[in-house]
Amino acid sequence: MVARGSEAFADPLIDDQRRIARSLIVDLSAAADRLPEQFRLRHPEVDWRGIRAARNFIAHDYAGTDDRILWQAIAVEFPRILVALGLQ
């Protein structure tokens, strides 16, 4: 999705990328909630609370979700999380 670029992501005629991004954020939050507290404490560099907040915001679509924020989450924040957890 990120490889396609931000212009493709923001294309108003193609919503699938934005729907996938929303789903990824919701799934990441659900997975983070299932992690043991000890694991989360060992990784304070990950904004666990922010992940949960993003999920709640997207799941309830408070005042609409800004596509630029979705892009920031998948293009910048997800890779940071992967690096912080030693997965990339």
C-alpha atoms as a PDB file:
ATOM      1  CA  MET A   1       0.000   0.000   0.000  1.00  0.00           C
ATOM      2  CA  VAL A   2       2.743   2.450   0.937  1.00  0.00           C
ATOM      3  CA  ALA A   3       4.745   1.505  -2.148  1.00  0.00           C
ATOM      4  CA  ARG A   4       1.893   2.789  -4.308  1.00  0.00           C
ATOM      5  CA  GLY A   5       2.439   6.259  -2.831  1.00  0.00           C
ATOM      6  CA  SER A   6       0.391   8.862  -1.045  1.00  0.00           C
ATOM      7  CA  GLU A   7      -1.271  10.132  -4.218  1.00  0.00           C
ATOM      8  CA  ALA A   8      -2.724   6.686  -4.996  1.00  0.00           C
ATOM      9  CA  PHE A   9      -3.740   6.352  -1.364  1.00  0.00           C
ATOM     10  CA  ALA A  10      -5.604   9.675  -1.439  1.00  0.00           C
ATOM     11  CA  ASP A  11      -7.260   9.077  -4.824  1.00  0.00           C
ATOM     12  CA  PRO A  12     -10.937   9.915  -4.165  1.00  0.00           C
ATOM     13  CA  LEU A  13     -12.076   7.426  -6.797  1.00  0.00           C
ATOM     14  CA  ILE A  14     -10.343   4.447  -5.162  1.00  0.00           C
ATOM     15  CA  ASP A  15     -11.285   3.948  -1.526  1.00  0.00           C
ATOM     16  CA  ASP A  16      -9.933   0.419  -1.036  1.00  0.00           C
ATOM     17  CA  GLN A  17      -6.515   1.563   0.193  1.00  0.00           C
ATOM     18  CA  ARG A  18      -8.018   3.792   2.863  1.00  0.00           C
ATOM     19  CA  ARG A  19     -10.407   1.046   3.987  1.00  0.00           C
ATOM     20  CA  ILE A  20      -7.482  -1.379   4.225  1.00  0.00           C
ATOM     21  CA  ALA A  21      -5.510   1.171   6.263  1.00  0.00           C
ATOM     22  CA  ARG A  22      -8.403   1.582   8.689  1.00  0.00           C
ATOM     23  CA  SER A  23      -8.646  -2.173   9.042  1.00  0.00           C
ATOM     24  CA  LEU A  24      -4.898  -2.486   9.672  1.00  0.00           C
ATOM     25  CA  ILE A  25      -5.022   0.094  12.434  1.00  0.00           C
ATOM     26  CA  VAL A  26      -7.988  -1.611  14.098  1.00  0.00           C
ATOM     27  CA  ASP A  27      -6.245  -5.004  13.834  1.00  0.00           C
ATOM     28  CA  LEU A  28      -2.977  -3.635  15.216  1.00  0.00           C
ATOM     29  CA  SER A  29      -4.806  -2.223  18.209  1.00  0.00           C
ATOM     30  CA  ALA A  30      -6.574  -5.529  18.850  1.00  0.00           C
ATOM     31  CA  ALA A  31      -3.247  -7.369  18.652  1.00  0.00           C
ATOM     32  CA  ALA A  32      -1.563  -4.830  20.952  1.00  0.00           C
ATOM     33  CA  ASP A  33      -4.334  -5.284  23.506  1.00  0.00           C
ATOM     34  CA  ARG A  34      -3.621  -9.025  23.584  1.00  0.00           C
ATOM     35  CA  LEU A  35       0.083  -8.551  24.291  1.00  0.00           C
ATOM     36  CA  PRO A  36       1.157  -9.256  27.862  1.00  0.00           C
ATOM     37  CA  GLU A  37       1.568  -6.126  29.949  1.00  0.00           C
ATOM     38  CA  GLN A  38       5.210  -7.105  30.608  1.00  0.00           C
ATOM     39  CA  PHE A  39       5.925  -6.990  26.879  1.00  0.00           C
ATOM     40  CA  ARG A  40       4.411  -3.535  26.560  1.00  0.00           C
ATOM     41  CA  LEU A  41       6.396  -2.335  29.567  1.00  0.00           C
ATOM     42  CA  ARG A  42       9.614  -3.568  27.900  1.00  0.00           C
ATOM     43  CA  HIS A  43       8.811  -1.388  24.888  1.00  0.00           C
ATOM     44  CA  PRO A  44       7.923   2.062  26.225  1.00  0.00           C
ATOM     45  CA  GLU A  45       9.080   3.602  22.949  1.00  0.00           C
ATOM     46  CA  VAL A  46       5.873   2.283  21.353  1.00  0.00           C
ATOM     47  CA  ASP A  47       2.872   4.514  21.959  1.00  0.00           C
ATOM     48  CA  TRP A  48       0.507   1.760  23.085  1.00  0.00           C
ATOM     49  CA  ARG A  49      -2.077   4.250  24.317  1.00  0.00           C
ATOM     50  CA  GLY A  50      -1.924   6.079  20.996  1.00  0.00           C
ATOM     51  CA  ILE A  51      -2.503   2.833  19.115  1.00  0.00           C
ATOM     52  CA  ARG A  52      -5.628   2.200  21.170  1.00  0.00           C
ATOM     53  CA  ALA A  53      -6.814   5.789  20.711  1.00  0.00           C
ATOM     54  CA  ALA A  54      -6.319   5.580  16.936  1.00  0.00           C
ATOM     55  CA  ARG A  55      -8.375   2.408  16.841  1.00  0.00           C
ATOM     56  CA  ASN A  56     -11.206   3.984  18.803  1.00  0.00           C
ATOM     57  CA  PHE A  57     -11.149   7.057  16.629  1.00  0.00           C
ATOM     58  CA  ILE A  58     -11.242   5.070  13.401  1.00  0.00           C
ATOM     59  CA  ALA A  59     -13.708   2.430  14.596  1.00  0.00           C
ATOM     60  CA  HIS A  60     -16.192   5.089  15.646  1.00  0.00           C
ATOM     61  CA  ASP A  61     -15.246   7.493  12.833  1.00  0.00           C
ATOM     62  CA  TYR A  62     -15.471  10.538  15.039  1.00  0.00           C
ATOM     63  CA  ALA A  63     -16.130  13.492  12.715  1.00  0.00           C
ATOM     64  CA  GLY A  64     -14.590  11.547   9.837  1.00  0.00           C
ATOM     65  CA  THR A  65     -11.086  10.193   9.645  1.00  0.00           C
ATOM     66  CA  ASP A  66      -8.491  12.431   8.057  1.00  0.00           C
ATOM     67  CA  ASP A  67      -6.809  10.473   5.266  1.00  0.00           C
ATOM     68  CA  ARG A  68      -3.518  12.257   5.940  1.00  0.00           C
ATOM     69  CA  ILE A  69      -3.543  10.797   9.450  1.00  0.00           C
ATOM     70  CA  LEU A  70      -4.210   7.319   8.057  1.00  0.00           C
ATOM     71  CA  TRP A  71      -1.297   7.770   5.654  1.00  0.00           C
ATOM     72  CA  GLN A  72       0.976   8.938   8.465  1.00  0.00           C
ATOM     73  CA  ALA A  73       0.020   5.873  10.499  1.00  0.00           C
ATOM     74  CA  ILE A  74       0.778   3.317   7.806  1.00  0.00           C
ATOM     75  CA  ALA A  75       3.701   5.045   6.088  1.00  0.00           C
ATOM     76  CA  VAL A  76       5.546   6.401   9.129  1.00  0.00           C
ATOM     77  CA  GLU A  77       4.258   5.019  12.413  1.00  0.00           C
ATOM     78  CA  PHE A  78       3.886   1.346  11.466  1.00  0.00           C
ATOM     79  CA  PRO A  79       7.501   1.128  10.264  1.00  0.00           C
ATOM     80  CA  ARG A  80       8.672   2.844  13.477  1.00  0.00           C
ATOM     81  CA  ILE A  81       6.783   0.296  15.562  1.00  0.00           C
ATOM     82  CA  LEU A  82       8.312  -2.579  13.596  1.00  0.00           C
ATOM     83  CA  VAL A  83      11.803  -1.178  14.150  1.00  0.00           C
ATOM     84  CA  ALA A  84      11.145  -0.579  17.864  1.00  0.00           C
ATOM     85  CA  LEU A  85      10.039  -4.188  18.277  1.00  0.00           C
ATOM     86  CA  GLY A  86      13.003  -5.511  16.306  1.00  0.00           C
ATOM     87  CA  LEU A  87      10.793  -6.838  13.522  1.00  0.00           C
ATOM     88  CA  GLN A  88      12.404  -4.828  10.742  1.00  0.00           C
END
